[in-house]
Amino acid sequence: MIDPETYSTERLCEGILDRHRDTIVVKKPAFAVRKLSVIVTAALELSNEKGFQAMSLRDLSEVSGVSMGGLYAYFDTKTTLLKMILSEVTAQVSNALSGAPEEIEADPPRHLDWLIETHVHLTEAMLPWFTFAFMEAKNFPAAERRIATDSEELTERFFADTIARGVADGSFRPDTSPLLASMIKPLLQDWYVKRSKYRRRAVSIDTYVTSIQQIVHDACAPRE
């Protein structure tokens, strides 16, 4: 379902380069992607250690090994780097969740299961990126906080649309809570925000996915 290689740092940085060619002045794509991968990896590590707001570009230069001048070849401010990372997370969520096979999308219960499984595996493949977006969101400038919020709302719409189709065709109960879609998001987030808890309990990703699917279906499946 989710190929981890598709979400390697270099592959994700290829997406950043494509979306931000007006900001990144390095002309050789292969070199730009390799260097950007080093920068982004260092930024995510530093943010995990001390927080993005506390991280300075000098800190980033020291940890990444890229000179200050080299950093400015990719972004003009730390906020621009933040926007690059958040925009890539949103793009990958959109791409992944819109990729259901037609026969699955046509069946709301199967589509709901597919969306849950795909999202959890996506966050597993992009763990540092999603953890960063969640943990740092409250400290983002207003515009960047809006990007993070839009990403959450995008995920919610995929679930809301699928649940609505299921209610319409009788797959789900007509009294299914209109809040169910928004309630699914915290369940998805718990996997990557509280990883240590599930690691201590030896909970596998497949067990976690199945548990969410069961909880969600219990909330909307027709009563026998």
N, C-alpha and C. Protein backbone atom coordinates (compact mmCIF):
# COMPACT_ATOMS: atom_id res chain seq x y z
N MET A 1 0.83 -1.21 0.00
CA MET A 1 0.00 0.00 0.00
C MET A 1 0.86 1.26 0.00
N ILE A 2 1.71 1.40 1.01
CA ILE A 2 2.62 2.54 1.08
C ILE A 2 4.04 2.01 0.94
N ASP A 3 4.73 2.46 -0.09
CA ASP A 3 6.12 2.06 -0.30
C ASP A 3 7.03 3.04 0.42
N PRO A 4 7.72 2.60 1.47
CA PRO A 4 8.58 3.52 2.23
C PRO A 4 9.60 4.25 1.37
N GLU A 5 10.06 3.62 0.29
CA GLU A 5 11.04 4.26 -0.57
C GLU A 5 10.48 5.52 -1.23
N THR A 6 9.18 5.50 -1.46
CA THR A 6 8.53 6.67 -2.06
C THR A 6 8.62 7.88 -1.15
N TYR A 7 8.78 7.61 0.15
CA TYR A 7 8.77 8.69 1.14
C TYR A 7 10.13 8.86 1.81
N SER A 8 11.18 8.46 1.11
CA SER A 8 12.53 8.75 1.61
C SER A 8 12.72 10.26 1.63
N THR A 9 13.65 10.72 2.44
CA THR A 9 13.87 12.17 2.54
C THR A 9 14.22 12.77 1.18
N GLU A 10 15.05 12.07 0.41
CA GLU A 10 15.42 12.61 -0.90
C GLU A 10 14.22 12.70 -1.83
N ARG A 11 13.34 11.69 -1.83
CA ARG A 11 12.17 11.74 -2.69
C ARG A 11 11.25 12.89 -2.28
N LEU A 12 11.10 13.08 -0.98
CA LEU A 12 10.26 14.19 -0.50
C LEU A 12 10.87 15.54 -0.85
N CYS A 13 12.18 15.60 -0.78
CA CYS A 13 12.86 16.86 -1.13
C CYS A 13 12.80 17.15 -2.62
N GLU A 14 12.63 16.12 -3.43
CA GLU A 14 12.39 16.35 -4.85
C GLU A 14 11.07 17.12 -5.01
N GLY A 15 10.08 16.74 -4.20
CA GLY A 15 8.81 17.45 -4.24
C GLY A 15 8.95 18.89 -3.78
N ILE A 16 9.74 19.10 -2.73
CA ILE A 16 9.97 20.46 -2.25
C ILE A 16 10.63 21.29 -3.35
N LEU A 17 11.63 20.71 -4.00
CA LEU A 17 12.33 21.44 -5.07
C LEU A 17 11.36 21.82 -6.20
N ASP A 18 10.51 20.89 -6.59
CA ASP A 18 9.55 21.17 -7.67
C ASP A 18 8.59 22.28 -7.30
N ARG A 19 8.19 22.30 -6.03
CA ARG A 19 7.18 23.28 -5.60
C ARG A 19 7.77 24.64 -5.25
N HIS A 20 9.08 24.70 -5.08
CA HIS A 20 9.69 25.95 -4.60
C HIS A 20 10.86 26.40 -5.47
N ARG A 21 10.74 26.18 -6.76
CA ARG A 21 11.82 26.59 -7.67
C ARG A 21 12.01 28.10 -7.69
N ASP A 22 10.98 28.85 -7.30
CA ASP A 22 11.11 30.30 -7.27
C ASP A 22 11.92 30.77 -6.07
N THR A 23 12.10 29.89 -5.08
CA THR A 23 12.86 30.23 -3.87
C THR A 23 14.26 29.64 -3.89
N ILE A 24 14.38 28.41 -4.40
CA ILE A 24 15.65 27.70 -4.41
C ILE A 24 16.45 28.11 -5.65
N VAL A 25 17.62 28.68 -5.43
CA VAL A 25 18.39 29.23 -6.54
C VAL A 25 19.42 28.25 -7.09
N VAL A 26 19.61 27.10 -6.44
CA VAL A 26 20.57 26.10 -6.92
C VAL A 26 20.03 25.50 -8.21
N LYS A 27 20.84 25.46 -9.25
CA LYS A 27 20.36 25.09 -10.57
C LYS A 27 20.43 23.60 -10.88
N LYS A 28 21.33 22.88 -10.24
CA LYS A 28 21.48 21.46 -10.53
C LYS A 28 20.54 20.66 -9.63
N PRO A 29 19.49 20.05 -10.20
CA PRO A 29 18.48 19.38 -9.38
C PRO A 29 19.03 18.29 -8.47
N ALA A 30 19.89 17.42 -8.98
CA ALA A 30 20.40 16.31 -8.17
C ALA A 30 21.18 16.83 -6.97
N PHE A 31 22.02 17.83 -7.20
CA PHE A 31 22.80 18.42 -6.10
C PHE A 31 21.86 19.11 -5.11
N ALA A 32 20.89 19.84 -5.65
CA ALA A 32 19.96 20.58 -4.79
C ALA A 32 19.18 19.63 -3.88
N VAL A 33 18.73 18.51 -4.43
CA VAL A 33 17.97 17.55 -3.64
C VAL A 33 18.82 16.93 -2.54
N ARG A 34 20.05 16.56 -2.87
CA ARG A 34 20.93 15.97 -1.86
C ARG A 34 21.20 16.95 -0.72
N LYS A 35 21.49 18.19 -1.06
CA LYS A 35 21.80 19.18 -0.03
C LYS A 35 20.53 19.53 0.77
N LEU A 36 19.42 19.64 0.09
CA LEU A 36 18.17 19.95 0.78
C LEU A 36 17.80 18.82 1.74
N SER A 37 18.09 17.59 1.38
CA SER A 37 17.82 16.45 2.25
C SER A 37 18.62 16.57 3.55
N VAL A 38 19.86 16.99 3.44
CA VAL A 38 20.70 17.17 4.62
C VAL A 38 20.14 18.29 5.50
N ILE A 39 19.72 19.37 4.87
CA ILE A 39 19.20 20.52 5.62
C ILE A 39 17.90 20.16 6.34
N VAL A 40 16.98 19.53 5.62
CA VAL A 40 15.68 19.19 6.21
C VAL A 40 15.85 18.17 7.34
N THR A 41 16.69 17.18 7.13
CA THR A 41 16.94 16.18 8.18
C THR A 41 17.47 16.86 9.44
N ALA A 42 18.41 17.76 9.27
CA ALA A 42 18.96 18.49 10.42
C ALA A 42 17.90 19.36 11.08
N ALA A 43 17.06 20.00 10.29
CA ALA A 43 16.01 20.86 10.85
C ALA A 43 15.02 20.05 11.67
N LEU A 44 14.64 18.88 11.18
CA LEU A 44 13.70 18.03 11.92
C LEU A 44 14.32 17.51 13.21
N GLU A 45 15.60 17.15 13.14
CA GLU A 45 16.29 16.66 14.34
C GLU A 45 16.42 17.77 15.39
N LEU A 46 16.81 18.95 14.94
CA LEU A 46 16.94 20.08 15.87
C LEU A 46 15.60 20.46 16.48
N SER A 47 14.57 20.43 15.67
CA SER A 47 13.24 20.77 16.18
C SER A 47 12.80 19.78 17.23
N ASN A 48 13.13 18.52 17.03
CA ASN A 48 12.78 17.49 18.01
C ASN A 48 13.53 17.70 19.32
N GLU A 49 14.75 18.21 19.23
CA GLU A 49 15.59 18.39 20.42
C GLU A 49 15.25 19.68 21.18
N LYS A 50 15.08 20.78 20.44
CA LYS A 50 14.95 22.07 21.12
C LYS A 50 13.76 22.90 20.66
N GLY A 51 13.04 22.44 19.66
CA GLY A 51 11.91 23.19 19.15
C GLY A 51 12.30 24.05 17.97
N PHE A 52 11.41 24.16 17.00
CA PHE A 52 11.71 24.91 15.78
C PHE A 52 11.91 26.39 16.08
N GLN A 53 11.10 26.93 16.96
CA GLN A 53 11.21 28.34 17.27
C GLN A 53 12.56 28.68 17.91
N ALA A 54 13.07 27.77 18.71
CA ALA A 54 14.36 28.01 19.39
C ALA A 54 15.55 27.76 18.47
N MET A 55 15.33 27.02 17.40
CA MET A 55 16.41 26.72 16.47
C MET A 55 16.76 27.96 15.65
N SER A 56 18.03 28.30 15.61
CA SER A 56 18.48 29.41 14.76
C SER A 56 19.06 28.85 13.47
N LEU A 57 19.18 29.71 12.47
CA LEU A 57 19.82 29.26 11.23
C LEU A 57 21.28 28.93 11.47
N ARG A 58 21.91 29.58 12.43
CA ARG A 58 23.29 29.22 12.76
C ARG A 58 23.35 27.81 13.34
N ASP A 59 22.37 27.47 14.19
CA ASP A 59 22.29 26.10 14.70
C ASP A 59 22.16 25.12 13.54
N LEU A 60 21.28 25.45 12.61
CA LEU A 60 21.03 24.58 11.47
C LEU A 60 22.28 24.43 10.62
N SER A 61 23.00 25.53 10.44
CA SER A 61 24.25 25.50 9.67
C SER A 61 25.26 24.56 10.32
N GLU A 62 25.39 24.66 11.63
CA GLU A 62 26.37 23.84 12.34
C GLU A 62 26.03 22.36 12.29
N VAL A 63 24.77 22.04 12.49
CA VAL A 63 24.36 20.63 12.52
C VAL A 63 24.35 20.02 11.12
N SER A 64 23.92 20.77 10.14
CA SER A 64 23.83 20.25 8.77
C SER A 64 25.17 20.26 8.04
N GLY A 65 26.08 21.12 8.50
CA GLY A 65 27.35 21.25 7.80
C GLY A 65 27.25 22.11 6.56
N VAL A 66 26.13 22.80 6.40
CA VAL A 66 25.92 23.70 5.25
C VAL A 66 26.15 25.12 5.73
N SER A 67 26.95 25.87 5.00
CA SER A 67 27.26 27.24 5.41
C SER A 67 26.01 28.10 5.42
N MET A 68 26.09 29.23 6.12
CA MET A 68 24.95 30.16 6.14
C MET A 68 24.60 30.59 4.73
N GLY A 69 25.61 30.88 3.92
CA GLY A 69 25.36 31.25 2.54
C GLY A 69 24.69 30.13 1.77
N GLY A 70 25.12 28.88 2.08
CA GLY A 70 24.52 27.73 1.43
C GLY A 70 23.04 27.58 1.78
N LEU A 71 22.70 27.84 3.04
CA LEU A 71 21.29 27.77 3.46
C LEU A 71 20.45 28.78 2.70
N TYR A 72 20.98 29.98 2.53
CA TYR A 72 20.21 31.03 1.87
C TYR A 72 20.01 30.74 0.38
N ALA A 73 20.71 29.75 -0.14
CA ALA A 73 20.48 29.35 -1.53
C ALA A 73 19.18 28.55 -1.66
N TYR A 74 18.65 28.10 -0.51
CA TYR A 74 17.43 27.29 -0.52
C TYR A 74 16.22 28.00 0.06
N PHE A 75 16.44 28.91 0.99
CA PHE A 75 15.33 29.66 1.57
C PHE A 75 15.87 30.95 2.16
N ASP A 76 15.01 31.97 2.18
CA ASP A 76 15.45 33.28 2.66
C ASP A 76 15.29 33.43 4.16
N THR A 77 14.34 32.72 4.74
CA THR A 77 14.10 32.81 6.18
C THR A 77 13.75 31.43 6.72
N LYS A 78 13.80 31.31 8.03
CA LYS A 78 13.41 30.06 8.68
C LYS A 78 11.93 29.77 8.42
N THR A 79 11.13 30.82 8.32
CA THR A 79 9.70 30.64 8.06
C THR A 79 9.46 30.02 6.69
N THR A 80 10.27 30.38 5.72
CA THR A 80 10.15 29.77 4.39
C THR A 80 10.47 28.28 4.45
N LEU A 81 11.48 27.90 5.21
CA LEU A 81 11.80 26.49 5.40
C LEU A 81 10.61 25.78 6.05
N LEU A 82 10.01 26.40 7.04
CA LEU A 82 8.85 25.83 7.70
C LEU A 82 7.73 25.59 6.69
N LYS A 83 7.48 26.57 5.84
CA LYS A 83 6.43 26.46 4.84
C LYS A 83 6.73 25.32 3.86
N MET A 84 7.99 25.15 3.51
CA MET A 84 8.38 24.05 2.61
C MET A 84 8.03 22.69 3.21
N ILE A 85 8.37 22.52 4.49
CA ILE A 85 8.14 21.24 5.16
C ILE A 85 6.64 20.98 5.29
N LEU A 86 5.89 21.97 5.76
CA LEU A 86 4.45 21.79 5.96
C LEU A 86 3.71 21.55 4.64
N SER A 87 4.12 22.26 3.61
CA SER A 87 3.47 22.09 2.31
C SER A 87 3.71 20.70 1.75
N GLU A 88 4.88 20.15 2.01
CA GLU A 88 5.17 18.80 1.52
C GLU A 88 4.33 17.77 2.26
N VAL A 89 4.15 17.95 3.56
CA VAL A 89 3.29 17.05 4.33
C VAL A 89 1.87 17.07 3.76
N THR A 90 1.35 18.27 3.53
CA THR A 90 -0.01 18.39 2.99
C THR A 90 -0.12 17.75 1.62
N ALA A 91 0.86 17.96 0.76
CA ALA A 91 0.84 17.39 -0.58
C ALA A 91 0.83 15.87 -0.53
N GLN A 92 1.62 15.30 0.36
CA GLN A 92 1.69 13.84 0.45
C GLN A 92 0.40 13.25 1.01
N VAL A 93 -0.22 13.93 1.95
CA VAL A 93 -1.52 13.48 2.47
C VAL A 93 -2.54 13.46 1.34
N SER A 94 -2.58 14.54 0.58
CA SER A 94 -3.53 14.64 -0.53
C SER A 94 -3.29 13.54 -1.56
N ASN A 95 -2.03 13.35 -1.94
CA ASN A 95 -1.70 12.34 -2.95
C ASN A 95 -2.04 10.93 -2.47
N ALA A 96 -1.68 10.64 -1.23
CA ALA A 96 -1.89 9.28 -0.71
C ALA A 96 -3.37 8.96 -0.54
N LEU A 97 -4.12 9.86 0.08
CA LEU A 97 -5.52 9.56 0.39
C LEU A 97 -6.44 9.64 -0.83
N SER A 98 -5.97 10.25 -1.89
CA SER A 98 -6.79 10.31 -3.12
C SER A 98 -6.49 9.16 -4.07
N GLY A 99 -5.65 8.23 -3.64
CA GLY A 99 -5.19 7.18 -4.55
C GLY A 99 -5.87 5.84 -4.40
N ALA A 100 -7.06 5.79 -3.82
CA ALA A 100 -7.75 4.50 -3.65
C ALA A 100 -8.15 3.91 -5.00
N PRO A 101 -7.99 2.60 -5.19
CA PRO A 101 -8.49 1.95 -6.41
C PRO A 101 -10.00 2.17 -6.56
N GLU A 102 -10.47 2.19 -7.78
CA GLU A 102 -11.88 2.51 -8.03
C GLU A 102 -12.84 1.56 -7.32
N GLU A 103 -12.50 0.25 -7.31
CA GLU A 103 -13.41 -0.70 -6.69
C GLU A 103 -13.50 -0.52 -5.18
N ILE A 104 -12.43 -0.01 -4.57
CA ILE A 104 -12.47 0.27 -3.13
C ILE A 104 -13.22 1.57 -2.86
N GLU A 105 -12.96 2.58 -3.66
CA GLU A 105 -13.63 3.87 -3.47
C GLU A 105 -15.14 3.74 -3.65
N ALA A 106 -15.57 2.78 -4.48
CA ALA A 106 -17.00 2.60 -4.73
C ALA A 106 -17.72 1.93 -3.57
N ASP A 107 -16.98 1.40 -2.61
CA ASP A 107 -17.55 0.68 -1.47
C ASP A 107 -17.17 1.43 -0.19
N PRO A 108 -18.08 2.28 0.35
CA PRO A 108 -17.73 3.13 1.50
C PRO A 108 -17.08 2.41 2.68
N PRO A 109 -17.59 1.26 3.13
CA PRO A 109 -16.93 0.59 4.27
C PRO A 109 -15.48 0.19 3.95
N ARG A 110 -15.26 -0.36 2.76
CA ARG A 110 -13.90 -0.73 2.36
C ARG A 110 -13.03 0.53 2.20
N HIS A 111 -13.63 1.58 1.66
CA HIS A 111 -12.88 2.82 1.46
C HIS A 111 -12.48 3.42 2.81
N LEU A 112 -13.37 3.36 3.77
CA LEU A 112 -13.08 3.88 5.10
C LEU A 112 -11.89 3.11 5.71
N ASP A 113 -11.93 1.79 5.60
CA ASP A 113 -10.81 0.98 6.09
C ASP A 113 -9.52 1.35 5.37
N TRP A 114 -9.62 1.54 4.06
CA TRP A 114 -8.45 1.85 3.25
C TRP A 114 -7.85 3.20 3.66
N LEU A 115 -8.69 4.18 3.89
CA LEU A 115 -8.21 5.50 4.30
C LEU A 115 -7.48 5.44 5.64
N ILE A 116 -8.04 4.68 6.57
CA ILE A 116 -7.40 4.54 7.88
C ILE A 116 -6.04 3.88 7.74
N GLU A 117 -5.99 2.77 7.03
CA GLU A 117 -4.74 2.04 6.86
C GLU A 117 -3.70 2.88 6.12
N THR A 118 -4.13 3.55 5.07
CA THR A 118 -3.20 4.36 4.27
C THR A 118 -2.64 5.50 5.10
N HIS A 119 -3.48 6.18 5.86
CA HIS A 119 -3.00 7.31 6.64
C HIS A 119 -2.01 6.86 7.71
N VAL A 120 -2.30 5.79 8.42
CA VAL A 120 -1.39 5.33 9.47
C VAL A 120 -0.04 4.92 8.86
N HIS A 121 -0.07 4.22 7.75
CA HIS A 121 1.19 3.80 7.12
C HIS A 121 1.94 5.00 6.53
N LEU A 122 1.21 5.99 6.06
CA LEU A 122 1.86 7.21 5.56
C LEU A 122 2.60 7.91 6.68
N THR A 123 1.95 8.04 7.84
CA THR A 123 2.62 8.72 8.96
C THR A 123 3.80 7.90 9.48
N GLU A 124 3.72 6.59 9.33
CA GLU A 124 4.86 5.74 9.71
C GLU A 124 6.04 6.01 8.78
N ALA A 125 5.75 6.12 7.48
CA ALA A 125 6.82 6.35 6.50
C ALA A 125 7.41 7.75 6.62
N MET A 126 6.61 8.72 7.09
CA MET A 126 7.05 10.11 7.21
C MET A 126 7.05 10.56 8.67
N LEU A 127 7.41 9.66 9.56
CA LEU A 127 7.26 9.91 10.99
C LEU A 127 7.85 11.25 11.46
N PRO A 128 9.12 11.59 11.14
CA PRO A 128 9.67 12.86 11.64
C PRO A 128 8.90 14.07 11.13
N TRP A 129 8.38 14.00 9.92
CA TRP A 129 7.65 15.11 9.32
C TRP A 129 6.32 15.34 10.02
N PHE A 130 5.57 14.25 10.26
CA PHE A 130 4.28 14.40 10.91
C PHE A 130 4.43 14.78 12.38
N THR A 131 5.42 14.21 13.04
CA THR A 131 5.66 14.57 14.43
C THR A 131 5.99 16.05 14.55
N PHE A 132 6.82 16.52 13.64
CA PHE A 132 7.18 17.94 13.60
C PHE A 132 5.94 18.81 13.42
N ALA A 133 5.12 18.47 12.42
CA ALA A 133 3.93 19.29 12.13
C ALA A 133 2.98 19.33 13.30
N PHE A 134 2.84 18.23 14.03
CA PHE A 134 1.93 18.19 15.17
C PHE A 134 2.50 18.90 16.38
N MET A 135 3.73 18.57 16.75
CA MET A 135 4.30 19.09 17.98
C MET A 135 4.60 20.58 17.92
N GLU A 136 4.92 21.08 16.74
CA GLU A 136 5.32 22.48 16.61
C GLU A 136 4.18 23.41 16.23
N ALA A 137 3.03 22.85 15.89
CA ALA A 137 1.95 23.66 15.31
C ALA A 137 1.57 24.87 16.15
N LYS A 138 1.51 24.70 17.47
CA LYS A 138 1.06 25.81 18.33
C LYS A 138 2.03 26.99 18.30
N ASN A 139 3.26 26.75 17.87
CA ASN A 139 4.26 27.83 17.84
C ASN A 139 4.44 28.44 16.46
N PHE A 140 3.72 27.93 15.46
CA PHE A 140 3.89 28.44 14.11
C PHE A 140 3.34 29.87 13.99
N PRO A 141 3.91 30.67 13.09
CA PRO A 141 3.28 31.95 12.74
C PRO A 141 1.89 31.67 12.17
N ALA A 142 1.04 32.68 12.17
CA ALA A 142 -0.37 32.49 11.79
C ALA A 142 -0.54 31.82 10.42
N ALA A 143 0.19 32.30 9.42
CA ALA A 143 0.03 31.76 8.07
C ALA A 143 0.42 30.29 8.01
N GLU A 144 1.51 29.93 8.68
CA GLU A 144 1.98 28.55 8.67
C GLU A 144 1.09 27.66 9.54
N ARG A 145 0.54 28.23 10.61
CA ARG A 145 -0.41 27.47 11.42
C ARG A 145 -1.65 27.15 10.60
N ARG A 146 -2.00 28.05 9.71
CA ARG A 146 -3.13 27.82 8.81
C ARG A 146 -2.85 26.65 7.87
N ILE A 147 -1.61 26.52 7.40
CA ILE A 147 -1.24 25.40 6.53
C ILE A 147 -1.43 24.09 7.28
N ALA A 148 -0.96 24.05 8.54
CA ALA A 148 -1.10 22.85 9.35
C ALA A 148 -2.57 22.51 9.59
N THR A 149 -3.37 23.54 9.86
CA THR A 149 -4.80 23.32 10.09
C THR A 149 -5.49 22.84 8.81
N ASP A 150 -5.11 23.42 7.68
CA ASP A 150 -5.69 23.01 6.39
C ASP A 150 -5.39 21.54 6.11
N SER A 151 -4.18 21.10 6.49
CA SER A 151 -3.81 19.71 6.27
C SER A 151 -4.70 18.78 7.09
N GLU A 152 -4.98 19.15 8.34
CA GLU A 152 -5.87 18.35 9.17
C GLU A 152 -7.28 18.33 8.59
N GLU A 153 -7.74 19.48 8.12
CA GLU A 153 -9.08 19.55 7.56
C GLU A 153 -9.19 18.77 6.27
N LEU A 154 -8.09 18.71 5.51
CA LEU A 154 -8.06 17.92 4.28
C LEU A 154 -8.29 16.44 4.60
N THR A 155 -7.57 15.95 5.61
CA THR A 155 -7.74 14.56 6.03
C THR A 155 -9.18 14.32 6.47
N GLU A 156 -9.71 15.23 7.25
CA GLU A 156 -11.08 15.08 7.75
C GLU A 156 -12.08 15.01 6.60
N ARG A 157 -11.86 15.80 5.54
CA ARG A 157 -12.81 15.80 4.41
C ARG A 157 -12.85 14.44 3.71
N PHE A 158 -11.70 13.78 3.58
CA PHE A 158 -11.68 12.46 2.96
C PHE A 158 -12.59 11.51 3.74
N PHE A 159 -12.48 11.54 5.07
CA PHE A 159 -13.30 10.67 5.90
C PHE A 159 -14.75 11.10 5.88
N ALA A 160 -15.00 12.39 5.96
CA ALA A 160 -16.37 12.90 5.98
C ALA A 160 -17.11 12.54 4.68
N ASP A 161 -16.44 12.70 3.55
CA ASP A 161 -17.07 12.39 2.27
C ASP A 161 -17.40 10.90 2.17
N THR A 162 -16.49 10.06 2.63
CA THR A 162 -16.72 8.61 2.57
C THR A 162 -17.86 8.20 3.49
N ILE A 163 -17.89 8.76 4.69
CA ILE A 163 -18.97 8.45 5.63
C ILE A 163 -20.31 8.93 5.07
N ALA A 164 -20.32 10.11 4.46
CA ALA A 164 -21.56 10.65 3.87
C ALA A 164 -22.07 9.74 2.75
N ARG A 165 -21.17 9.23 1.94
CA ARG A 165 -21.58 8.31 0.87
C ARG A 165 -22.14 7.02 1.46
N GLY A 166 -21.52 6.56 2.55
CA GLY A 166 -22.00 5.35 3.19
C GLY A 166 -23.38 5.52 3.81
N VAL A 167 -23.62 6.69 4.39
CA VAL A 167 -24.95 6.97 4.95
C VAL A 167 -25.98 7.02 3.81
N ALA A 168 -25.60 7.63 2.71
CA ALA A 168 -26.52 7.79 1.58
C ALA A 168 -26.91 6.46 0.95
N ASP A 169 -25.96 5.51 0.88
CA ASP A 169 -26.29 4.23 0.23
C ASP A 169 -26.68 3.13 1.22
N GLY A 170 -26.79 3.50 2.51
CA GLY A 170 -27.23 2.53 3.51
C GLY A 170 -26.13 1.69 4.12
N SER A 171 -24.89 1.92 3.73
CA SER A 171 -23.78 1.16 4.31
C SER A 171 -23.56 1.53 5.76
N PHE A 172 -23.87 2.79 6.11
CA PHE A 172 -23.71 3.28 7.47
C PHE A 172 -25.06 3.77 8.00
N ARG A 173 -25.18 3.82 9.30
CA ARG A 173 -26.43 4.23 9.93
C ARG A 173 -26.79 5.67 9.59
N PRO A 174 -28.05 5.97 9.41
CA PRO A 174 -28.46 7.35 9.12
C PRO A 174 -28.21 8.29 10.29
N ASP A 175 -28.10 7.73 11.52
CA ASP A 175 -27.85 8.58 12.68
C ASP A 175 -26.36 8.65 13.04
N THR A 176 -25.50 8.27 12.10
CA THR A 176 -24.05 8.37 12.33
C THR A 176 -23.70 9.81 12.71
N SER A 177 -22.91 9.97 13.74
CA SER A 177 -22.58 11.31 14.23
C SER A 177 -21.87 12.13 13.15
N PRO A 178 -22.30 13.36 12.94
CA PRO A 178 -21.60 14.24 11.98
C PRO A 178 -20.19 14.59 12.45
N LEU A 179 -19.89 14.28 13.72
CA LEU A 179 -18.56 14.56 14.26
C LEU A 179 -17.60 13.38 14.11
N LEU A 180 -18.08 12.27 13.56
CA LEU A 180 -17.23 11.08 13.49
C LEU A 180 -15.95 11.33 12.71
N ALA A 181 -16.06 12.02 11.58
CA ALA A 181 -14.87 12.27 10.76
C ALA A 181 -13.80 13.03 11.54
N SER A 182 -14.22 14.03 12.30
CA SER A 182 -13.25 14.81 13.07
C SER A 182 -12.70 14.02 14.24
N MET A 183 -13.46 13.03 14.72
CA MET A 183 -12.99 12.20 15.83
C MET A 183 -11.96 11.16 15.39
N ILE A 184 -11.96 10.85 14.12
CA ILE A 184 -11.01 9.87 13.61
C ILE A 184 -9.58 10.43 13.65
N LYS A 185 -9.43 11.71 13.38
CA LYS A 185 -8.11 12.32 13.28
C LYS A 185 -7.27 12.13 14.54
N PRO A 186 -7.79 12.36 15.76
CA PRO A 186 -6.96 12.13 16.94
C PRO A 186 -6.51 10.68 17.09
N LEU A 187 -7.35 9.74 16.64
CA LEU A 187 -6.95 8.33 16.69
C LEU A 187 -5.77 8.09 15.76
N LEU A 188 -5.79 8.71 14.61
CA LEU A 188 -4.68 8.57 13.66
C LEU A 188 -3.41 9.21 14.22
N GLN A 189 -3.57 10.37 14.83
CA GLN A 189 -2.41 11.10 15.36
C GLN A 189 -1.75 10.38 16.51
N ASP A 190 -2.53 9.66 17.30
CA ASP A 190 -1.98 9.01 18.49
C ASP A 190 -0.87 8.04 18.13
N TRP A 191 -0.95 7.45 16.95
CA TRP A 191 0.08 6.48 16.55
C TRP A 191 1.46 7.11 16.47
N TYR A 192 1.55 8.32 15.90
CA TYR A 192 2.87 8.92 15.75
C TYR A 192 3.23 9.88 16.87
N VAL A 193 2.24 10.37 17.60
CA VAL A 193 2.55 11.29 18.69
C VAL A 193 2.97 10.52 19.96
N LYS A 194 2.40 9.36 20.17
CA LYS A 194 2.66 8.59 21.40
C LYS A 194 3.26 7.23 21.07
N ARG A 195 4.24 7.26 20.18
CA ARG A 195 4.85 6.01 19.73
C ARG A 195 5.45 5.21 20.87
N SER A 196 6.07 5.87 21.83
CA SER A 196 6.73 5.15 22.91
C SER A 196 5.73 4.32 23.71
N LYS A 197 4.51 4.84 23.86
CA LYS A 197 3.48 4.10 24.60
C LYS A 197 3.16 2.79 23.90
N TYR A 198 2.99 2.84 22.59
CA TYR A 198 2.63 1.62 21.86
C TYR A 198 3.83 0.69 21.71
N ARG A 199 5.02 1.26 21.67
CA ARG A 199 6.22 0.42 21.61
C ARG A 199 6.36 -0.38 22.91
N ARG A 200 6.13 0.28 24.04
CA ARG A 200 6.21 -0.42 25.33
C ARG A 200 5.19 -1.54 25.43
N ARG A 201 4.06 -1.34 24.81
CA ARG A 201 2.99 -2.35 24.87
C ARG A 201 3.10 -3.37 23.74
N ALA A 202 4.13 -3.24 22.92
CA ALA A 202 4.36 -4.17 21.80
C ALA A 202 3.16 -4.20 20.84
N VAL A 203 2.57 -3.04 20.61
CA VAL A 203 1.45 -2.92 19.67
C VAL A 203 2.01 -2.71 18.27
N SER A 204 1.69 -3.60 17.35
CA SER A 204 2.17 -3.47 15.98
C SER A 204 1.31 -2.49 15.21
N ILE A 205 1.83 -2.03 14.10
CA ILE A 205 1.08 -1.08 13.28
C ILE A 205 -0.20 -1.72 12.75
N ASP A 206 -0.13 -3.01 12.40
CA ASP A 206 -1.32 -3.69 11.88
C ASP A 206 -2.40 -3.82 12.96
N THR A 207 -1.97 -4.09 14.19
CA THR A 207 -2.93 -4.17 15.29
C THR A 207 -3.58 -2.81 15.53
N TYR A 208 -2.76 -1.77 15.44
CA TYR A 208 -3.30 -0.42 15.67
C TYR A 208 -4.31 -0.06 14.58
N VAL A 209 -3.97 -0.34 13.32
CA VAL A 209 -4.88 -0.05 12.21
C VAL A 209 -6.20 -0.78 12.40
N THR A 210 -6.12 -2.07 12.70
CA THR A 210 -7.33 -2.88 12.88
C THR A 210 -8.19 -2.35 14.02
N SER A 211 -7.55 -1.90 15.08
CA SER A 211 -8.29 -1.36 16.23
C SER A 211 -9.06 -0.10 15.86
N ILE A 212 -8.41 0.80 15.13
CA ILE A 212 -9.11 2.03 14.70
C ILE A 212 -10.27 1.67 13.78
N GLN A 213 -10.02 0.77 12.84
CA GLN A 213 -11.09 0.37 11.91
C GLN A 213 -12.30 -0.17 12.67
N GLN A 214 -12.04 -0.99 13.69
CA GLN A 214 -13.13 -1.56 14.46
C GLN A 214 -13.90 -0.48 15.22
N ILE A 215 -13.18 0.42 15.84
CA ILE A 215 -13.82 1.52 16.59
C ILE A 215 -14.71 2.36 15.66
N VAL A 216 -14.18 2.69 14.49
CA VAL A 216 -14.92 3.55 13.56
C VAL A 216 -16.14 2.83 13.02
N HIS A 217 -15.99 1.56 12.66
CA HIS A 217 -17.14 0.82 12.12
C HIS A 217 -18.21 0.61 13.19
N ASP A 218 -17.78 0.41 14.43
CA ASP A 218 -18.77 0.28 15.51
C ASP A 218 -19.60 1.55 15.66
N ALA A 219 -19.02 2.67 15.28
CA ALA A 219 -19.70 3.97 15.42
C ALA A 219 -20.65 4.27 14.28
N CYS A 220 -20.54 3.52 13.17
CA CYS A 220 -21.39 3.90 12.04
C CYS A 220 -22.06 2.71 11.32
N ALA A 221 -21.66 1.49 11.62
CA ALA A 221 -22.25 0.34 10.93
C ALA A 221 -23.72 0.15 11.32
N PRO A 222 -24.55 -0.32 10.39
CA PRO A 222 -25.97 -0.54 10.72
C PRO A 222 -26.11 -1.54 11.88
N ARG A 223 -27.09 -1.30 12.73
CA ARG A 223 -27.34 -2.20 13.86
C ARG A 223 -28.10 -3.41 13.34
N GLU A 224 -27.72 -4.58 13.86
CA GLU A 224 -28.40 -5.80 13.42
C GLU A 224 -29.73 -5.95 14.14
